[in-house]
C-alpha atoms as a PDB file:
ATOM      1  CA  MET A   1     -10.013   6.644   1.014  1.00  0.00           C
ATOM      2  CA  PHE A   2     -11.736   5.934  -2.284  1.00  0.00           C
ATOM      3  CA  SER A   3     -11.382   2.775  -4.358  1.00  0.00           C
ATOM      4  CA  ASP A   4     -13.015   1.157  -7.355  1.00  0.00           C
ATOM      5  CA  GLY A   5     -14.492  -1.604  -5.183  1.00  0.00           C
ATOM      6  CA  LEU A   6     -11.821  -4.264  -5.719  1.00  0.00           C
ATOM      7  CA  ASN A   7     -12.316  -7.246  -3.401  1.00  0.00           C
ATOM      8  CA  CYS A   8      -9.085  -6.610  -1.467  1.00  0.00           C
ATOM      9  CA  PHE A   9     -10.298  -3.332   0.052  1.00  0.00           C
ATOM     10  CA  PRO A  10     -12.416  -4.806   2.896  1.00  0.00           C
ATOM     11  CA  GLY A  11      -9.033  -5.283   4.589  1.00  0.00           C
ATOM     12  CA  VAL A  12      -8.718  -1.485   4.665  1.00  0.00           C
ATOM     13  CA  ILE A  13     -11.923  -1.258   6.702  1.00  0.00           C
ATOM     14  CA  GLU A  14     -10.707  -4.030   9.020  1.00  0.00           C
ATOM     15  CA  ALA A  15      -7.535  -1.974   9.614  1.00  0.00           C
ATOM     16  CA  GLY A  16      -9.711   0.863  10.907  1.00  0.00           C
ATOM     17  CA  CYS A  17      -9.457   3.200   7.910  1.00  0.00           C
ATOM     18  CA  SER A  18     -12.375   4.888   6.216  1.00  0.00           C
ATOM     19  CA  HIS A  19     -13.232   3.566   2.794  1.00  0.00           C
ATOM     20  CA  SER A  20     -15.703   4.714   0.129  1.00  0.00           C
ATOM     21  CA  VAL A  21     -16.390   2.727  -3.005  1.00  0.00           C
ATOM     22  CA  LEU A  22     -16.870   4.587  -6.281  1.00  0.00           C
ATOM     23  CA  ILE A  23     -18.023   2.236  -9.042  1.00  0.00           C
ATOM     24  CA  ASN A  24     -18.336   3.983 -12.381  1.00  0.00           C
ATOM     25  CA  GLY A  25     -18.149   1.225 -14.976  1.00  0.00           C
ATOM     26  CA  GLY A  26     -14.530   1.521 -16.121  1.00  0.00           C
ATOM     27  CA  GLY A  27     -13.247   2.806 -19.433  1.00  0.00           C
ATOM     28  CA  ARG A  28     -12.920   6.500 -20.284  1.00  0.00           C
ATOM     29  CA  LYS A  29     -15.590   7.477 -17.787  1.00  0.00           C
ATOM     30  CA  SER A  30     -13.531   6.130 -14.905  1.00  0.00           C
ATOM     31  CA  ALA A  31     -10.367   7.766 -16.246  1.00  0.00           C
ATOM     32  CA  GLU A  32     -12.085  11.147 -16.212  1.00  0.00           C
ATOM     33  CA  ALA A  33     -13.477  10.783 -12.672  1.00  0.00           C
ATOM     34  CA  PRO A  34     -11.851  13.496 -10.514  1.00  0.00           C
ATOM     35  CA  THR A  35     -11.349  11.039  -7.661  1.00  0.00           C
ATOM     36  CA  PHE A  36      -9.127   8.755  -9.744  1.00  0.00           C
ATOM     37  CA  LYS A  37      -7.495  11.413 -11.943  1.00  0.00           C
ATOM     38  CA  TRP A  38      -4.209  11.508  -9.998  1.00  0.00           C
ATOM     39  CA  VAL A  39      -3.958   7.696 -10.054  1.00  0.00           C
ATOM     40  CA  ASN A  40      -4.495   7.588 -13.809  1.00  0.00           C
ATOM     41  CA  THR A  41      -1.978  10.411 -14.264  1.00  0.00           C
ATOM     42  CA  ALA A  42       0.661   8.601 -12.182  1.00  0.00           C
ATOM     43  CA  LEU A  43       0.124   5.295 -14.007  1.00  0.00           C
ATOM     44  CA  GLY A  44       0.272   7.091 -17.369  1.00  0.00           C
ATOM     45  CA  ASN A  45       3.543   8.773 -16.390  1.00  0.00           C
ATOM     46  CA  ILE A  46       5.085   5.451 -15.346  1.00  0.00           C
ATOM     47  CA  LYS A  47       3.982   3.783 -18.591  1.00  0.00           C
ATOM     48  CA  SER A  48       5.321   6.682 -20.695  1.00  0.00           C
ATOM     49  CA  ALA A  49       8.640   6.700 -18.858  1.00  0.00           C
ATOM     50  CA  LEU A  50       9.127   2.972 -19.342  1.00  0.00           C
ATOM     51  CA  SER A  51       7.966   2.975 -22.970  1.00  0.00           C
ATOM     52  CA  GLY A  52      10.112   5.982 -23.769  1.00  0.00           C
ATOM     53  CA  THR A  53      13.219   4.413 -22.245  1.00  0.00           C
ATOM     54  CA  TYR A  54      12.885   0.749 -23.156  1.00  0.00           C
ATOM     55  CA  ARG A  55      11.694  -0.712 -26.444  1.00  0.00           C
ATOM     56  CA  HIS A  56      10.799  -4.028 -24.845  1.00  0.00           C
ATOM     57  CA  HIS A  57       9.568  -4.637 -21.292  1.00  0.00           C
ATOM     58  CA  ASP A  58      10.633  -7.946 -19.839  1.00  0.00           C
ATOM     59  CA  ALA A  59       8.809  -9.038 -16.665  1.00  0.00           C
ATOM     60  CA  LYS A  60      11.991 -10.401 -15.096  1.00  0.00           C
ATOM     61  CA  HIS A  61      13.541  -6.912 -15.233  1.00  0.00           C
ATOM     62  CA  ALA A  62      10.414  -5.066 -14.029  1.00  0.00           C
ATOM     63  CA  PRO A  63      11.791  -4.434 -10.508  1.00  0.00           C
ATOM     64  CA  ARG A  64      14.848  -2.731 -12.003  1.00  0.00           C
ATOM     65  CA  TYR A  65      12.760  -0.662 -14.427  1.00  0.00           C
ATOM     66  CA  LEU A  66      10.505   0.510 -11.617  1.00  0.00           C
ATOM     67  CA  ALA A  67      13.460   1.212  -9.307  1.00  0.00           C
ATOM     68  CA  GLU A  68      14.991   3.436 -11.962  1.00  0.00           C
ATOM     69  CA  PHE A  69      11.686   5.231 -12.469  1.00  0.00           C
ATOM     70  CA  GLN A  70      11.376   5.715  -8.708  1.00  0.00           C
ATOM     71  CA  TYR A  71      14.902   7.178  -8.584  1.00  0.00           C
ATOM     72  CA  ARG A  72      14.056   9.667 -11.322  1.00  0.00           C
ATOM     73  CA  ILE A  73      10.617  10.634  -9.988  1.00  0.00           C
ATOM     74  CA  ASN A  74      11.976  11.199  -6.471  1.00  0.00           C
ATOM     75  CA  ARG A  75      14.591  13.588  -7.860  1.00  0.00           C
ATOM     76  CA  ARG A  76      12.488  15.316 -10.533  1.00  0.00           C
ATOM     77  CA  PHE A  77      12.678  18.719  -8.858  1.00  0.00           C
ATOM     78  CA  ASN A  78      16.483  18.753  -8.937  1.00  0.00           C
ATOM     79  CA  LEU A  79      17.276  17.497 -12.433  1.00  0.00           C
ATOM     80  CA  ALA A  80      20.526  19.452 -12.591  1.00  0.00           C
ATOM     81  CA  GLY A  81      21.852  17.622  -9.528  1.00  0.00           C
ATOM     82  CA  MET A  82      20.767  14.145 -10.625  1.00  0.00           C
ATOM     83  CA  LEU A  83      23.835  13.351 -12.702  1.00  0.00           C
ATOM     84  CA  GLY A  84      26.188  14.534  -9.962  1.00  0.00           C
ATOM     85  CA  ARG A  85      24.385  12.426  -7.346  1.00  0.00           C
ATOM     86  CA  LEU A  86      24.517   9.389  -9.624  1.00  0.00           C
ATOM     87  CA  ALA A  87      28.244   9.907 -10.240  1.00  0.00           C
ATOM     88  CA  HIS A  88      28.841  10.291  -6.496  1.00  0.00           C
ATOM     89  CA  ALA A  89      26.945   7.057  -5.743  1.00  0.00           C
ATOM     90  CA  SER A  90      28.822   5.247  -8.532  1.00  0.00           C
ATOM     91  CA  VAL A  91      32.220   6.276  -7.195  1.00  0.00           C
ATOM     92  CA  ARG A  92      31.360   5.331  -3.607  1.00  0.00           C
ATOM     93  CA  THR A  93      29.851   1.927  -4.464  1.00  0.00           C
ATOM     94  CA  ALA A  94      32.199  -1.047  -4.411  1.00  0.00           C
ATOM     95  CA  PRO A  95      32.495  -3.125  -7.593  1.00  0.00           C
ATOM     96  CA  ALA A  96      30.285  -6.221  -7.682  1.00  0.00           C
ATOM     97  CA  PRO A  97      30.548  -9.302  -9.881  1.00  0.00           C
ATOM     98  CA  TYR A  98      27.768 -10.008 -12.364  1.00  0.00           C
ATOM     99  CA  LYS A  99      26.551 -12.983 -10.329  1.00  0.00           C
ATOM    100  CA  GLN A 100      25.959 -10.715  -7.327  1.00  0.00           C
ATOM    101  CA  LEU A 101      24.124  -8.140  -9.446  1.00  0.00           C
ATOM    102  CA  LYS A 102      21.779 -10.858 -10.738  1.00  0.00           C
ATOM    103  CA  LEU A 103      20.816 -11.754  -7.143  1.00  0.00           C
ATOM    104  CA  ALA A 104      19.021  -8.433  -6.840  1.00  0.00           C
ATOM    105  CA  GLU A 105      16.590  -9.434  -9.600  1.00  0.00           C
ATOM    106  CA  SER A 106      15.657 -12.788  -8.105  1.00  0.00           C
ATOM    107  CA  HIS A 107      14.952 -11.316  -4.649  1.00  0.00           C
ATOM    108  CA  ALA A 108      13.094  -8.158  -5.707  1.00  0.00           C
END
């Protein structure tokens, strides 16, 4: 496992995993490092998906935004079936009052 040397990673070593630190100074140089390329790509995709969908990001709704992104990314290879699966889940889910829906945000 590679990391940028953040102080929380000694716990990875304590858990018995291998860990290599790659410190490259941050900025564009770190974004172009092959080791971190997939991480930067994933974070860029999440940011683009949220910015493209929502004009304003509110921290209290962040769990819902990320849950929606997770739903879409997990089903990205079957885009044609996504709407049908969503409709199926909507029909099979019991109605819930607004107060109950708001509980999901406070416990996320």
